[in-house]
Amino acid sequence: MSLFEYTAEDALGTVLGVDTGTVTVEVKDADHLRRLQVNRLVALQSKPGRHMIGSITNVTRKRLPGLDEDTDEAQELNLCKIALIGTMFNREGEKRNVFRRTLESVPEIDALCFALEGQELTDFMRTLASVAADGSSLKLGTYTLDENAEAFLNGNKFFQRHAFIGGSTGSGKSWTTAKILEQMSTLATVNGIVFDVHGEYKPLKGDRIQHLRIAGPEDIEQSRGLEDSVIHLPYWLLSYEALTSLFVDRTDQNAPNQAMIMAREINASKQRYLQNKGKDDVLANFTIDSPVPFGLEEFLDSLREINEEMIPGAKAGTTKQGDFHGKLSRMISRLENKTSDRRLGFMFQGGPATLEFDWLQLLTETLMGAASETASGGVTIVDFSEVPSDVLPLVVSLVARMAFSIQQWTPPDARHPLAILCDEAHVYMPQRGQASSADNVSLDIFEKIAKEGRKYGLGLVVISQRPSEVNKTLISQCSNFVSMRLTNAEDQQVVKRLLPDSLGGFSDILPTLDTGEALVVGDASLLPTRIRVDEPLNKPNSGTVDFWTEWQAPVAKNRLKSAIDNWRKQTLQ
């Protein structure tokens, strides 16, 4: 059965002129002309068994000289210009109602033009999203130009080919993310991790949504762990490059020696650990980046010994300084400062349990277990709000690296897809030219996920209020964009470059989008579509404050004293 069952009485008008990718339609009925809106979709008659699909780009009413001979009224020529964007086939092989982004032909002169609205629009967009009408798709909301038409995306392509969600502050970015997470949590074996940098998604609840947080100073004091939904990310999980950026000052003239000694001693410490545990099978193949625990005090002692080493001198009975005497002092000092920093307790003060060989399995099961594998998991929201900003890129990328490694080393027939949703991505995915050493470590792993993650079943959703500040390589690997209101010209250009020339005008609406309204572009929705996102059941803490209203309300007692206490204790109470 054809998707479109139009009659001549349903027509908006007829084709008056045809160009390579543009059609001009004459609309004789003034009421029909008033119904037309720029960016609305239309269907045009084509060859038997197919319709051309287009987007209205211009609507005009022209007054013609002279009067109508029959009515003595002024003559008018009502026109609308349409950019052709694809073809709808009634049948293609065994498939029915197939849309292709191709223009094998153009409409003939006097071909009828029909509006896509209501049920026809809903059915057409369902076809684009390749979903059945059974509610199992990724539903974002409704189409702005027709509130009766539900907006669907192809959930497979949205996560397979990576996605970007962007918008200026207060545009509804977190709202949209919450709606997607809400939809994900309805799936029986969903598996996703959300990097929640500011704790915005705490209000989200559901049977398959769990909340974890990186251990803060108070959690360390209270010895809280995985059973309390508190996670530690011990230093031995970091890659060699990450450890180097954390402990070695690149400006130090002894930095190369420090990095070399550190690599040698970490490798030796891991080797001793495996020997003591009798893990000969691992010992035969491990590298410095293998996730093997090692004792920090033992490592520090070996560095101090090398830094203070005295060796026999040229003359009998004399000694002289060793090759690295005094050259590790700054690294040792940095390491001691880091290990005693209460803010970094999640990395260095996790206790004996985090040094157990089997502890990594407990951590990965908690973080990355699918809904059917854990009691409360599925969509795992990790709160990074207590992680210091200077090490945030290292910590976030550590979790991302764990996810990539787990997917990479899982046998293909047992691999289960996992999505990573990265909020405030510009903080830890900056442009290379603006990146610190910690940022570069982060960029390396996220670029690897963006380029190679798909073949391992690892999807990436990048979320940011500044698309132009997010690393270009990562943006280029995202095949889906959900763009909320963008007022900055540079950010608008990022989205505009994704659109085909015939649809470039779509980007002009970006600064005028309402709160909660989005322009969706990409493989998950073959056509650029304007969507009003549905309100999520549980709204995130977006941080939007009504200043004028709050300035008329009473102020909380002892708020400044509490802030200072929390500042000093480095914990939010």
Protein backbone atom coordinates (compact mmCIF):
# COMPACT_ATOMS: atom_id res chain seq x y z
CA MET A 1 0.00 0.00 0.00
CA SER A 2 1.32 3.44 -0.95
CA LEU A 3 2.23 5.79 1.89
CA PHE A 4 0.55 8.70 0.09
CA GLU A 5 -3.06 8.39 -1.05
CA TYR A 6 -3.67 11.92 -2.34
CA THR A 7 -6.45 13.07 -4.66
CA ALA A 8 -6.45 16.10 -6.97
CA GLU A 9 -8.61 17.97 -4.43
CA ASP A 10 -5.78 17.68 -1.85
CA ALA A 11 -3.27 19.51 -4.06
CA LEU A 12 -1.72 22.80 -2.96
CA GLY A 13 -0.93 23.77 -6.54
CA THR A 14 0.82 22.73 -9.72
CA VAL A 15 4.43 22.85 -10.93
CA LEU A 16 5.14 26.01 -12.90
CA GLY A 17 8.91 25.77 -13.31
CA VAL A 18 11.70 23.22 -12.79
CA ASP A 19 15.43 23.69 -12.21
CA THR A 20 18.11 21.10 -11.39
CA GLY A 21 17.14 20.79 -7.72
CA THR A 22 14.48 23.47 -7.36
CA VAL A 23 10.81 23.54 -8.29
CA THR A 24 8.44 26.52 -8.51
CA VAL A 25 4.79 25.77 -7.73
CA GLU A 26 1.84 28.01 -8.53
CA VAL A 27 -0.76 28.12 -5.74
CA LYS A 28 -4.07 29.40 -7.08
CA ASP A 29 -6.08 29.08 -3.87
CA ALA A 30 -5.31 31.95 -1.46
CA ASP A 31 -6.32 29.80 1.52
CA HIS A 32 -3.75 27.19 0.51
CA LEU A 33 -1.11 29.91 0.20
CA ARG A 34 -1.76 31.07 3.77
CA ARG A 35 -1.22 27.51 5.01
CA LEU A 36 2.26 27.30 3.56
CA GLN A 37 5.28 27.79 5.81
CA VAL A 38 8.96 27.89 5.02
CA ASN A 39 10.74 24.57 5.80
CA ARG A 40 7.47 22.60 5.60
CA LEU A 41 7.75 19.35 3.65
CA VAL A 42 5.78 18.67 0.48
CA ALA A 43 5.29 15.74 -1.91
CA LEU A 44 5.19 16.21 -5.68
CA GLN A 45 3.88 13.88 -8.35
CA SER A 46 6.62 12.10 -10.27
CA LYS A 47 6.79 8.89 -12.25
CA PRO A 48 4.25 6.18 -11.39
CA GLY A 49 5.00 4.60 -8.02
CA ARG A 50 7.07 7.47 -6.64
CA HIS A 51 6.81 10.99 -5.22
CA MET A 52 9.48 13.68 -5.02
CA ILE A 53 9.96 15.09 -1.52
CA GLY A 54 10.91 18.75 -1.09
CA SER A 55 11.18 21.54 1.47
CA ILE A 56 9.56 24.92 0.98
CA THR A 57 12.21 27.64 0.88
CA ASN A 58 10.20 30.66 -0.25
CA VAL A 59 6.55 31.76 -0.46
CA THR A 60 5.58 34.87 -2.47
CA ARG A 61 2.46 36.68 -3.68
CA LYS A 62 2.92 38.82 -6.79
CA ARG A 63 0.50 41.46 -8.01
CA LEU A 64 0.15 41.43 -11.81
CA PRO A 65 -0.71 44.50 -13.91
CA GLY A 66 -4.30 44.77 -15.14
CA LEU A 67 -7.57 43.30 -13.86
CA ASP A 68 -9.08 39.87 -14.18
CA GLU A 69 -11.49 39.88 -17.15
CA ASP A 70 -14.14 37.87 -15.30
CA THR A 71 -14.06 39.44 -11.81
CA ASP A 72 -12.51 42.87 -12.45
CA GLU A 73 -10.21 42.17 -9.46
CA ALA A 74 -6.45 42.57 -9.32
CA GLN A 75 -4.62 39.58 -10.71
CA GLU A 76 -2.17 37.66 -8.51
CA LEU A 77 0.53 35.06 -9.07
CA ASN A 78 1.07 33.02 -5.90
CA LEU A 79 4.31 31.05 -5.92
CA CYS A 80 6.32 28.85 -3.61
CA LYS A 81 9.85 27.61 -4.25
CA ILE A 82 10.73 24.08 -3.20
CA ALA A 83 14.17 22.50 -2.74
CA LEU A 84 14.06 18.86 -3.79
CA ILE A 85 15.67 16.57 -1.25
CA GLY A 86 14.79 13.00 -2.20
CA THR A 87 12.44 10.45 -3.67
CA MET A 88 9.79 8.30 -1.99
CA PHE A 89 9.29 4.94 -3.73
CA ASN A 90 6.09 2.97 -3.23
CA ARG A 91 8.13 -0.20 -3.68
CA GLU A 92 11.80 -1.08 -4.08
CA GLY A 93 12.32 -4.80 -4.56
CA GLU A 94 10.56 -6.53 -1.68
CA LYS A 95 10.47 -3.34 0.41
CA ARG A 96 7.54 -0.95 0.52
CA ASN A 97 7.65 2.81 1.03
CA VAL A 98 11.40 3.46 0.73
CA PHE A 99 12.94 6.94 0.86
CA ARG A 100 16.20 7.67 -0.96
CA ARG A 101 18.30 10.83 -0.93
CA THR A 102 18.45 10.75 -4.71
CA LEU A 103 16.87 12.69 -7.56
CA GLU A 104 16.62 10.29 -10.48
CA SER A 105 14.06 12.56 -12.13
CA VAL A 106 12.29 15.88 -11.56
CA PRO A 107 8.56 16.66 -11.57
CA GLU A 108 6.91 17.54 -14.86
CA ILE A 109 5.25 20.87 -15.56
CA ASP A 110 1.69 20.89 -14.12
CA ALA A 111 2.51 18.02 -11.73
CA LEU A 112 0.49 18.27 -8.51
CA CYS A 113 2.07 19.35 -5.21
CA PHE A 114 0.73 18.12 -1.84
CA ALA A 115 1.42 19.18 1.75
CA LEU A 116 3.02 16.64 4.09
CA GLU A 117 1.17 17.10 7.37
CA GLY A 118 -0.72 15.21 10.04
CA GLN A 119 -0.73 11.43 9.65
CA GLU A 120 1.07 11.57 6.30
CA LEU A 121 3.95 13.45 7.91
CA THR A 122 4.06 11.06 10.88
CA ASP A 123 4.08 8.01 8.57
CA PHE A 124 6.73 9.55 6.35
CA MET A 125 9.03 10.38 9.26
CA ARG A 126 8.56 6.86 10.65
CA THR A 127 9.72 5.57 7.28
CA LEU A 128 12.81 7.77 7.49
CA ALA A 129 13.60 6.45 10.94
CA SER A 130 13.08 2.87 9.70
CA VAL A 131 10.79 2.04 12.61
CA ALA A 132 7.55 0.17 12.85
CA ALA A 133 4.48 1.83 14.34
CA ASP A 134 4.81 -0.14 17.59
CA GLY A 135 6.42 2.47 19.82
CA SER A 136 9.84 0.75 19.89
CA SER A 137 11.76 3.62 18.30
CA LEU A 138 13.62 6.62 19.71
CA LYS A 139 10.87 9.24 20.05
CA LEU A 140 12.03 12.77 20.82
CA GLY A 141 8.82 14.77 20.59
CA THR A 142 6.69 16.33 17.87
CA TYR A 143 7.42 18.32 14.73
CA THR A 144 7.30 22.07 15.30
CA LEU A 145 5.34 22.72 12.11
CA ASP A 146 2.78 20.00 12.89
CA GLU A 147 2.24 19.14 16.55
CA ASN A 148 0.11 16.12 15.57
CA ALA A 149 3.09 14.42 13.94
CA GLU A 150 5.37 12.48 16.29
CA ALA A 151 9.11 12.83 15.75
CA PHE A 152 11.12 9.61 15.60
CA LEU A 153 14.80 8.89 15.13
CA ASN A 154 16.49 5.67 14.11
CA GLY A 155 17.96 4.57 17.45
CA ASN A 156 20.46 2.23 15.80
CA LYS A 157 21.99 4.87 13.55
CA PHE A 158 21.90 7.52 16.27
CA PHE A 159 24.32 5.55 18.47
CA GLN A 160 26.16 3.57 15.77
CA ARG A 161 27.42 6.65 13.98
CA HIS A 162 27.93 8.90 16.98
CA ALA A 163 25.93 12.02 17.76
CA PHE A 164 26.34 15.60 18.93
CA ILE A 165 23.83 17.46 21.12
CA GLY A 166 24.54 21.19 21.31
CA GLY A 167 22.93 24.46 22.25
CA SER A 168 23.54 27.73 24.03
CA THR A 169 23.02 27.97 27.79
CA GLY A 170 19.34 27.59 28.65
CA SER A 171 18.32 26.22 25.24
CA GLY A 172 17.17 22.82 26.54
CA LYS A 173 20.31 20.76 25.94
CA SER A 174 20.12 18.90 29.27
CA TRP A 175 16.36 18.49 28.83
CA THR A 176 16.93 16.77 25.47
CA THR A 177 19.66 14.54 26.90
CA ALA A 178 17.35 13.56 29.77
CA LYS A 179 14.63 12.64 27.28
CA ILE A 180 17.02 10.39 25.35
CA LEU A 181 18.20 8.73 28.58
CA GLU A 182 14.60 8.22 29.58
CA GLN A 183 13.91 6.46 26.27
CA MET A 184 17.07 4.35 26.63
CA SER A 185 16.04 3.17 30.10
CA THR A 186 12.91 1.49 28.68
CA LEU A 187 15.04 -1.09 26.82
CA ALA A 188 15.52 -4.45 28.53
CA THR A 189 19.31 -4.74 28.14
CA VAL A 190 20.30 -1.09 27.72
CA ASN A 191 23.94 -0.25 28.40
CA GLY A 192 25.11 3.36 28.66
CA ILE A 193 27.37 5.61 30.74
CA VAL A 194 26.74 9.32 31.27
CA PHE A 195 29.63 11.62 32.22
CA ASP A 196 27.81 14.12 34.46
CA VAL A 197 30.36 16.86 35.12
CA HIS A 198 28.12 19.15 37.23
CA GLY A 199 25.67 16.71 38.81
CA GLU A 200 22.82 17.92 36.57
CA TYR A 201 21.25 14.51 36.07
CA LYS A 202 20.75 13.54 39.73
CA PRO A 203 16.93 13.88 39.50
CA LEU A 204 16.67 11.23 36.76
CA LYS A 205 15.05 8.06 38.07
CA GLY A 206 13.97 4.75 36.63
CA ASP A 207 14.20 0.99 37.01
CA ARG A 208 17.25 0.86 34.76
CA ILE A 209 18.94 4.11 35.82
CA GLN A 210 21.63 4.06 38.49
CA HIS A 211 23.66 6.90 39.94
CA LEU A 212 27.33 6.62 40.89
CA ARG A 213 29.71 9.31 41.99
CA ILE A 214 33.46 9.65 42.11
CA ALA A 215 34.58 9.44 45.73
CA GLY A 216 34.96 12.80 47.47
CA PRO A 217 36.92 13.66 50.64
CA GLU A 218 33.97 12.79 52.90
CA ASP A 219 33.53 9.44 51.15
CA ILE A 220 37.19 8.66 51.80
CA GLU A 221 36.80 9.47 55.51
CA GLN A 222 33.68 7.29 55.76
CA SER A 223 35.34 4.44 53.79
CA ARG A 224 32.51 4.34 51.26
CA GLY A 225 32.84 2.12 48.23
CA LEU A 226 30.97 0.41 45.40
CA GLU A 227 28.27 -0.88 47.72
CA ASP A 228 27.49 2.78 48.52
CA SER A 229 27.39 3.79 44.84
CA VAL A 230 30.79 5.46 45.28
CA ILE A 231 33.59 4.58 42.90
CA HIS A 232 37.35 4.87 43.21
CA LEU A 233 39.55 5.09 40.13
CA PRO A 234 42.99 4.01 41.40
CA TYR A 235 46.17 5.36 39.87
CA TRP A 236 47.21 1.95 38.49
CA LEU A 237 44.35 2.10 35.97
CA LEU A 238 45.92 5.13 34.30
CA SER A 239 47.91 4.66 31.12
CA TYR A 240 51.61 5.46 31.07
CA GLU A 241 50.92 8.72 29.20
CA ALA A 242 48.31 9.73 31.76
CA LEU A 243 50.66 8.97 34.68
CA THR A 244 53.40 10.97 33.00
CA SER A 245 51.15 14.01 32.54
CA LEU A 246 50.11 13.74 36.19
CA PHE A 247 53.53 13.32 37.80
CA VAL A 248 56.12 14.74 35.38
CA ASP A 249 56.51 18.46 34.77
CA ARG A 250 57.27 18.72 31.06
CA THR A 251 59.12 22.02 31.62
CA ASP A 252 61.64 20.35 33.94
CA GLN A 253 64.98 19.80 32.19
CA ASN A 254 65.05 16.33 33.76
CA ALA A 255 61.59 15.39 32.44
CA PRO A 256 62.87 12.81 29.91
CA ASN A 257 64.91 11.03 32.60
CA GLN A 258 61.97 11.14 35.01
CA ALA A 259 59.58 9.65 32.44
CA MET A 260 62.06 6.90 31.58
CA ILE A 261 62.70 5.96 35.23
CA MET A 262 59.00 6.07 36.00
CA ALA A 263 58.22 3.66 33.16
CA ARG A 264 60.95 1.26 34.27
CA GLU A 265 59.92 1.24 37.93
CA ILE A 266 56.17 0.94 37.25
CA ASN A 267 56.85 -2.00 34.95
CA ALA A 268 59.01 -3.64 37.64
CA SER A 269 56.38 -3.00 40.36
CA LYS A 270 53.63 -4.57 38.26
CA GLN A 271 55.86 -7.54 37.49
CA ARG A 272 56.54 -8.14 41.21
CA TYR A 273 52.82 -7.88 41.97
CA LEU A 274 51.96 -10.53 39.39
CA GLN A 275 54.75 -12.81 40.61
CA ASN A 276 53.52 -12.52 44.20
CA LYS A 277 49.96 -13.32 43.10
CA GLY A 278 51.07 -16.27 40.99
CA LYS A 279 49.57 -14.79 37.81
CA ASP A 280 52.08 -16.33 35.43
CA ASP A 281 49.65 -16.30 32.48
CA VAL A 282 49.28 -12.52 32.76
CA LEU A 283 52.96 -12.02 33.50
CA ALA A 284 53.94 -13.53 30.17
CA ASN A 285 52.05 -10.94 28.11
CA PHE A 286 51.42 -7.79 30.17
CA THR A 287 52.66 -4.29 29.23
CA ILE A 288 53.08 -1.08 31.19
CA ASP A 289 49.53 -0.09 30.19
CA SER A 290 47.97 -3.36 31.36
CA PRO A 291 45.53 -2.73 34.25
CA VAL A 292 47.63 -4.44 36.92
CA PRO A 293 47.78 -3.05 40.49
CA PHE A 294 51.06 -2.01 42.07
CA GLY A 295 51.93 -0.54 45.46
CA LEU A 296 52.39 3.22 45.48
CA GLU A 297 54.64 3.31 48.57
CA GLU A 298 56.87 0.64 47.08
CA PHE A 299 57.06 2.66 43.86
CA LEU A 300 57.88 5.86 45.78
CA ASP A 301 60.58 4.11 47.81
CA SER A 302 62.29 2.91 44.65
CA LEU A 303 62.25 6.46 43.23
CA ARG A 304 63.73 7.89 46.43
CA GLU A 305 66.44 5.23 46.40
CA ILE A 306 67.41 6.08 42.82
CA ASN A 307 67.28 9.81 43.57
CA GLU A 308 69.67 9.40 46.52
CA GLU A 309 71.86 6.66 45.05
CA MET A 310 75.63 6.85 45.62
CA ILE A 311 77.91 4.60 43.60
CA PRO A 312 81.63 3.67 43.98
CA GLY A 313 83.99 6.43 42.90
CA ALA A 314 87.08 6.20 40.74
CA LYS A 315 89.31 5.94 43.76
CA ALA A 316 89.06 3.03 46.14
CA GLY A 317 86.93 3.74 49.19
CA THR A 318 85.21 6.78 47.64
CA THR A 319 81.67 7.29 46.39
CA LYS A 320 80.00 9.59 43.96
CA GLN A 321 76.49 10.51 42.99
CA GLY A 322 74.57 8.05 40.80
CA ASP A 323 73.46 8.87 37.25
CA PHE A 324 70.05 10.09 38.44
CA HIS A 325 71.02 11.52 41.81
CA GLY A 326 68.79 14.55 42.53
CA LYS A 327 67.13 14.40 39.10
CA LEU A 328 63.88 12.89 40.38
CA SER A 329 63.32 15.34 43.23
CA ARG A 330 60.61 17.41 41.54
CA MET A 331 58.75 14.33 40.35
CA ILE A 332 58.86 12.78 43.81
CA SER A 333 57.63 16.03 45.32
CA ARG A 334 54.73 16.22 42.81
CA LEU A 335 53.83 12.61 43.50
CA GLU A 336 53.85 13.13 47.28
CA ASN A 337 51.67 16.24 46.92
CA LYS A 338 49.20 14.44 44.68
CA THR A 339 48.91 11.39 46.93
CA SER A 340 48.23 13.55 49.99
CA ASP A 341 45.70 15.81 48.24
CA ARG A 342 42.28 15.01 49.75
CA ARG A 343 40.57 15.98 46.50
CA LEU A 344 42.41 13.15 44.74
CA GLY A 345 41.56 10.57 47.37
CA PHE A 346 39.50 8.62 44.83
CA MET A 347 42.75 7.89 43.03
CA PHE A 348 45.30 7.40 45.81
CA GLN A 349 43.36 6.61 49.00
CA GLY A 350 40.98 3.84 47.99
CA GLY A 351 42.26 1.39 50.57
CA PRO A 352 43.52 -2.22 50.30
CA ALA A 353 40.40 -3.39 48.44
CA THR A 354 41.34 -1.41 45.32
CA LEU A 355 44.69 -3.23 45.15
CA GLU A 356 43.07 -6.66 44.89
CA PHE A 357 43.52 -8.38 41.54
CA ASP A 358 39.76 -9.04 41.15
CA TRP A 359 38.70 -5.50 42.08
CA LEU A 360 38.74 -4.34 38.45
CA GLN A 361 36.04 -6.86 37.58
CA LEU A 362 33.78 -5.50 40.35
CA LEU A 363 34.33 -1.96 39.07
CA THR A 364 33.58 -2.79 35.42
CA GLU A 365 30.47 -4.79 36.35
CA THR A 366 29.17 -1.81 38.32
CA LEU A 367 30.07 0.77 35.66
CA MET A 368 29.41 -1.10 32.44
CA GLY A 369 27.01 -3.90 33.25
CA ALA A 370 23.90 -3.98 31.04
CA ALA A 371 20.46 -3.71 32.65
CA SER A 372 20.02 -7.48 32.64
CA GLU A 373 23.42 -8.05 34.31
CA THR A 374 23.10 -5.75 37.32
CA ALA A 375 20.45 -5.14 39.95
CA SER A 376 20.08 -1.44 39.17
CA GLY A 377 22.26 -0.70 36.16
CA GLY A 378 21.67 -0.12 32.48
CA VAL A 379 21.97 3.65 32.22
CA THR A 380 24.77 4.56 34.61
CA ILE A 381 25.10 8.26 35.46
CA VAL A 382 28.52 9.04 36.92
CA ASP A 383 28.79 12.27 38.90
CA PHE A 384 32.23 13.89 38.40
CA SER A 385 31.31 17.14 40.18
CA GLU A 386 33.84 16.63 43.01
CA VAL A 387 36.76 15.90 40.68
CA PRO A 388 39.23 18.84 40.50
CA SER A 389 39.12 20.59 37.14
CA ASP A 390 42.87 20.20 36.51
CA VAL A 391 42.64 16.39 36.49
CA LEU A 392 39.09 16.07 35.12
CA PRO A 393 40.25 15.27 31.56
CA LEU A 394 42.45 12.44 32.88
CA VAL A 395 39.69 10.97 35.04
CA VAL A 396 36.95 11.17 32.43
CA SER A 397 39.19 9.70 29.74
CA LEU A 398 40.19 6.91 32.14
CA VAL A 399 36.58 5.70 32.30
CA ALA A 400 36.29 6.10 28.52
CA ARG A 401 39.50 4.09 28.03
CA MET A 402 38.15 1.34 30.29
CA ALA A 403 34.96 1.20 28.22
CA PHE A 404 36.90 1.02 24.95
CA SER A 405 39.25 -1.67 26.27
CA ILE A 406 36.38 -3.80 27.59
CA GLN A 407 34.59 -3.61 24.24
CA GLN A 408 37.79 -4.24 22.29
CA TRP A 409 38.81 -7.33 24.27
CA THR A 410 35.33 -8.88 24.50
CA PRO A 411 34.94 -11.80 22.05
CA PRO A 412 32.86 -10.57 19.08
CA ASP A 413 30.05 -13.08 19.63
CA ALA A 414 29.69 -11.94 23.27
CA ARG A 415 30.02 -8.19 22.67
CA HIS A 416 27.09 -6.05 23.87
CA PRO A 417 26.79 -2.44 22.59
CA LEU A 418 27.65 0.39 24.98
CA ALA A 419 27.04 4.13 24.58
CA ILE A 420 29.01 6.91 26.28
CA LEU A 421 27.26 10.27 26.69
CA CYS A 422 29.75 13.06 27.41
CA ASP A 423 28.22 16.15 29.01
CA GLU A 424 30.13 19.47 28.87
CA ALA A 425 32.45 17.87 26.34
CA HIS A 426 34.31 21.10 25.52
CA VAL A 427 35.91 20.88 29.00
CA TYR A 428 37.84 17.68 28.20
CA MET A 429 37.66 17.55 24.38
CA PRO A 430 39.11 20.93 23.38
CA GLN A 431 40.82 21.87 20.13
CA ARG A 432 44.36 20.49 19.93
CA GLY A 433 45.87 23.95 19.86
CA GLN A 434 44.27 24.81 23.21
CA ALA A 435 44.96 21.47 24.91
CA SER A 436 47.15 20.86 27.96
CA SER A 437 49.08 17.61 28.44
CA ALA A 438 46.11 16.17 30.37
CA ASP A 439 43.75 17.29 27.60
CA ASN A 440 45.94 15.57 24.99
CA VAL A 441 45.68 12.28 26.86
CA SER A 442 41.91 12.71 26.92
CA LEU A 443 41.73 13.64 23.23
CA ASP A 444 43.77 10.59 22.22
CA ILE A 445 41.29 8.15 23.72
CA PHE A 446 38.13 10.00 22.61
CA GLU A 447 39.44 10.35 19.06
CA LYS A 448 40.17 6.63 19.08
CA ILE A 449 36.61 5.89 20.22
CA ALA A 450 35.19 8.23 17.58
CA LYS A 451 37.22 6.58 14.80
CA GLU A 452 37.19 2.93 15.87
CA GLY A 453 34.43 2.56 18.46
CA ARG A 454 31.70 1.59 16.00
CA LYS A 455 33.34 -1.72 15.05
CA TYR A 456 33.52 -2.65 18.73
CA GLY A 457 29.94 -1.66 19.51
CA LEU A 458 30.90 1.55 21.33
CA GLY A 459 28.85 4.66 20.55
CA LEU A 460 29.67 8.25 21.49
CA VAL A 461 27.27 11.12 22.18
CA VAL A 462 29.06 14.47 22.57
CA ILE A 463 27.14 17.17 24.48
CA SER A 464 28.31 20.79 24.59
CA GLN A 465 27.13 24.39 24.55
CA ARG A 466 30.03 25.38 22.25
CA PRO A 467 30.31 23.15 19.15
CA SER A 468 33.10 25.33 17.76
CA GLU A 469 35.29 24.67 20.83
CA VAL A 470 34.95 20.88 20.69
CA ASN A 471 37.79 19.03 18.96
CA LYS A 472 37.24 19.08 15.18
CA THR A 473 38.18 15.44 14.71
CA LEU A 474 35.48 14.37 17.17
CA ILE A 475 32.87 16.63 15.57
CA SER A 476 33.73 15.30 12.11
CA GLN A 477 33.10 11.73 13.26
CA CYS A 478 29.57 12.56 14.51
CA SER A 479 27.00 11.72 11.85
CA ASN A 480 24.03 13.02 13.85
CA PHE A 481 23.42 16.51 15.21
CA VAL A 482 20.68 17.58 17.60
CA SER A 483 21.16 21.33 17.63
CA MET A 484 19.26 23.51 20.04
CA ARG A 485 19.33 27.33 19.89
CA LEU A 486 22.77 28.64 18.91
CA THR A 487 23.44 32.37 18.94
CA ASN A 488 27.18 32.34 18.25
CA ALA A 489 28.07 32.60 14.55
CA GLU A 490 31.02 30.20 14.83
CA ASP A 491 28.81 27.56 16.46
CA GLN A 492 26.16 28.01 13.77
CA GLN A 493 28.76 27.44 11.06
CA VAL A 494 29.60 24.02 12.54
CA VAL A 495 26.02 22.90 11.92
CA LYS A 496 25.69 24.70 8.58
CA ARG A 497 28.66 22.80 7.16
CA LEU A 498 26.77 19.54 7.76
CA LEU A 499 23.86 20.53 5.53
CA PRO A 500 23.71 19.99 1.76
CA ASP A 501 23.77 23.18 -0.31
CA SER A 502 20.06 22.96 -1.14
CA LEU A 503 19.20 22.95 2.58
CA GLY A 504 21.76 25.46 3.83
CA GLY A 505 18.95 27.85 4.71
CA PHE A 506 17.88 25.52 7.53
CA SER A 507 20.74 26.84 9.65
CA ASP A 508 19.20 30.31 9.59
CA ILE A 509 16.65 29.16 12.16
CA LEU A 510 19.28 28.20 14.78
CA PRO A 511 19.30 31.55 16.67
CA THR A 512 15.47 31.69 16.68
CA LEU A 513 14.74 28.20 18.05
CA ASP A 514 12.61 28.18 21.18
CA THR A 515 13.73 26.57 24.45
CA GLY A 516 13.34 22.81 24.03
CA GLU A 517 13.24 23.06 20.26
CA ALA A 518 15.89 21.38 18.11
CA LEU A 519 17.10 21.06 14.53
CA VAL A 520 17.95 17.39 13.95
CA VAL A 521 20.37 16.56 11.15
CA GLY A 522 22.06 13.29 10.22
CA ASP A 523 21.80 9.59 9.49
CA ALA A 524 19.24 8.92 12.23
CA SER A 525 16.81 11.25 10.45
CA LEU A 526 17.62 11.43 6.76
CA LEU A 527 16.14 14.91 6.45
CA PRO A 528 16.91 17.97 8.58
CA THR A 529 13.88 18.25 10.84
CA ARG A 530 12.71 20.81 13.39
CA ILE A 531 11.47 19.11 16.54
CA ARG A 532 9.90 20.26 19.79
CA VAL A 533 11.36 17.91 22.38
CA ASP A 534 8.90 16.37 24.85
CA GLU A 535 9.31 17.19 28.52
CA PRO A 536 11.17 14.39 30.34
CA LEU A 537 9.43 12.76 33.31
CA ASN A 538 12.25 13.96 35.58
CA LYS A 539 13.86 17.26 34.67
CA PRO A 540 17.62 17.66 35.17
CA ASN A 541 19.10 20.29 37.47
CA SER A 542 20.06 22.56 34.62
CA GLY A 543 21.17 25.34 36.95
CA THR A 544 18.87 27.96 35.44
CA VAL A 545 18.04 30.46 38.18
CA ASP A 546 15.24 33.04 38.01
CA PHE A 547 17.27 36.01 39.24
CA TRP A 548 14.49 38.59 39.43
CA THR A 549 12.19 36.20 41.28
CA GLU A 550 14.87 34.94 43.66
CA TRP A 551 15.90 38.50 44.53
CA GLN A 552 12.42 39.00 45.93
CA ALA A 553 12.51 35.85 48.10
CA PRO A 554 14.13 35.29 51.54
CA VAL A 555 17.81 34.29 51.63
CA ALA A 556 18.79 30.92 53.15
CA LYS A 557 20.29 31.21 56.64
CA ASN A 558 24.04 30.71 57.10
CA ARG A 559 24.53 30.15 53.37
CA LEU A 560 27.93 31.86 53.24
CA LYS A 561 29.21 30.05 56.34
CA SER A 562 28.13 26.71 54.85
CA ALA A 563 29.86 27.57 51.58
CA ILE A 564 33.13 28.37 53.34
CA ASP A 565 32.96 25.16 55.41
CA ASN A 566 32.33 23.10 52.30
CA TRP A 567 35.12 24.91 50.46
CA ARG A 568 37.60 24.09 53.19
CA LYS A 569 36.43 20.48 53.50
CA GLN A 570 36.26 20.09 49.71
CA THR A 571 32.86 18.43 49.91
CA LEU A 572 29.30 19.61 49.25
CA GLN A 573 26.94 19.05 52.19
